[in-house]
Amino acid sequence: MESTDIFRLILPLLIISIMLFGVLWLVRRYSAPGKGRQNSKISISVVSTFQLMPKKFLSLVKVEDKIFLLGISEHSINLIKELDIDQENLESISEGRENNNFVDFFKSALKNR
């Protein structure tokens, strides 16, 4: 094999690679904002999750300043209860000071009713 043969093999590969990276750059630059990125307008976090059975969970989800108890299965997500908690517990959840133990948190939320 001569050097011109190697050049003929590598040159198309380099051109295609450069074109692919260019297309990837354009897609990332001009894609719709918010897709694939975290939307900073709404604060959503999973406080804790408890597995009941395979593919069936109870989850505490914090949305802005509210806590929701959700039943999650393979085919659906259902709101079980909106929990009322005081501001002190809400702040400790936000800062991560409290242990994310589902049972303890759920008991304390029920006591605050």
Protein backbone atom coordinates (compact mmCIF):
# COMPACT_ATOMS: atom_id res chain seq x y z
CA MET A 1 0.00 0.00 0.00
CA GLU A 2 1.26 3.38 -0.91
CA SER A 3 0.79 6.55 1.11
CA THR A 4 -1.73 7.83 -1.44
CA ASP A 5 -3.91 4.76 -0.84
CA ILE A 6 -3.92 5.40 2.92
CA PHE A 7 -4.71 9.06 2.28
CA ARG A 8 -7.66 8.06 0.06
CA LEU A 9 -9.03 5.87 2.87
CA ILE A 10 -8.57 8.35 5.72
CA LEU A 11 -9.67 11.56 3.99
CA PRO A 12 -13.37 10.58 3.54
CA LEU A 13 -13.48 9.33 7.12
CA LEU A 14 -12.16 12.67 8.40
CA ILE A 15 -14.61 14.64 6.25
CA ILE A 16 -17.59 12.59 7.48
CA SER A 17 -16.44 12.92 11.12
CA ILE A 18 -16.13 16.71 10.82
CA MET A 19 -19.59 16.91 9.22
CA LEU A 20 -21.14 14.82 12.01
CA PHE A 21 -19.60 16.97 14.73
CA GLY A 22 -20.82 20.09 12.89
CA VAL A 23 -24.38 18.76 12.74
CA LEU A 24 -24.23 17.82 16.43
CA TRP A 25 -23.03 21.32 17.32
CA LEU A 26 -25.86 22.91 15.28
CA VAL A 27 -28.50 20.70 16.89
CA ARG A 28 -27.30 21.53 20.39
CA ARG A 29 -27.06 25.22 19.65
CA TYR A 30 -30.42 25.67 17.96
CA SER A 31 -32.53 23.07 19.78
CA ALA A 32 -35.59 24.26 21.70
CA PRO A 33 -34.67 25.64 25.13
CA GLY A 34 -35.58 23.45 28.06
CA LYS A 35 -35.41 20.15 26.21
CA GLY A 36 -32.79 17.99 27.84
CA ARG A 37 -32.05 20.69 30.40
CA GLN A 38 -33.46 21.23 33.84
CA ASN A 39 -36.14 23.88 33.85
CA SER A 40 -35.15 26.32 36.61
CA LYS A 41 -38.60 27.91 36.91
CA ILE A 42 -40.18 25.03 38.88
CA SER A 43 -38.45 23.28 41.74
CA ILE A 44 -39.28 19.55 41.78
CA SER A 45 -37.44 16.95 43.85
CA VAL A 46 -38.06 13.44 45.13
CA VAL A 47 -37.81 13.55 48.91
CA SER A 48 -38.02 9.82 49.48
CA THR A 49 -39.23 6.60 47.88
CA PHE A 50 -40.45 3.39 49.48
CA GLN A 51 -40.81 0.15 47.50
CA LEU A 52 -43.99 -1.75 48.35
CA MET A 53 -43.68 -4.55 45.80
CA PRO A 54 -41.69 -5.04 42.61
CA LYS A 55 -42.49 -2.09 40.33
CA LYS A 56 -44.78 -0.48 42.95
CA PHE A 57 -43.62 2.46 45.04
CA LEU A 58 -44.77 5.21 47.36
CA SER A 59 -42.91 8.45 46.77
CA LEU A 60 -42.83 11.79 48.52
CA VAL A 61 -42.32 14.51 45.93
CA LYS A 62 -41.66 18.15 46.76
CA VAL A 63 -43.00 20.63 44.20
CA GLU A 64 -42.18 24.24 45.09
CA ASP A 65 -43.48 24.44 48.71
CA LYS A 66 -45.82 21.44 48.74
CA ILE A 67 -45.26 17.74 49.41
CA PHE A 68 -47.25 15.09 47.54
CA LEU A 69 -47.58 11.39 48.37
CA LEU A 70 -47.68 9.52 45.06
CA GLY A 71 -48.46 5.89 44.35
CA ILE A 72 -46.32 4.74 41.44
CA SER A 73 -46.81 1.51 39.54
CA GLU A 74 -45.64 0.20 36.20
CA HIS A 75 -48.63 1.69 34.38
CA SER A 76 -49.71 4.73 36.39
CA ILE A 77 -48.90 7.45 38.87
CA ASN A 78 -51.66 8.41 41.33
CA LEU A 79 -51.88 11.24 43.83
CA ILE A 80 -52.70 9.69 47.18
CA LYS A 81 -52.49 12.75 49.39
CA GLU A 82 -51.15 16.27 49.54
CA LEU A 83 -49.31 16.54 52.84
CA ASP A 84 -49.37 19.67 54.94
CA ILE A 85 -46.07 20.26 56.68
CA ASP A 86 -44.84 23.25 58.61
CA GLN A 87 -42.25 25.66 57.22
CA GLU A 88 -39.48 24.37 59.51
CA ASN A 89 -39.75 20.80 58.15
CA LEU A 90 -40.00 22.12 54.61
CA GLU A 91 -36.79 24.13 55.01
CA SER A 92 -34.94 21.15 56.51
CA ILE A 93 -36.00 19.05 53.52
CA SER A 94 -34.83 21.73 51.10
CA GLU A 95 -31.45 22.00 52.74
CA GLY A 96 -31.01 18.24 53.04
CA ARG A 97 -30.42 18.31 56.80
CA GLU A 98 -33.10 15.73 57.50
CA ASN A 99 -32.50 12.05 56.90
CA ASN A 100 -34.43 10.96 53.80
CA ASN A 101 -36.05 8.02 55.57
CA PHE A 102 -39.52 7.58 54.08
CA VAL A 103 -41.23 6.07 57.13
CA ASP A 104 -39.91 8.68 59.57
CA PHE A 105 -40.80 11.56 57.30
CA PHE A 106 -44.28 10.18 56.60
CA LYS A 107 -44.97 9.73 60.34
CA SER A 108 -43.85 13.28 61.10
CA ALA A 109 -46.02 14.65 58.28
CA LEU A 110 -49.04 12.78 59.63
CA LYS A 111 -48.42 14.10 63.15
CA ASN A 112 -48.46 17.69 61.83
CA ARG A 113 -52.00 17.30 60.47
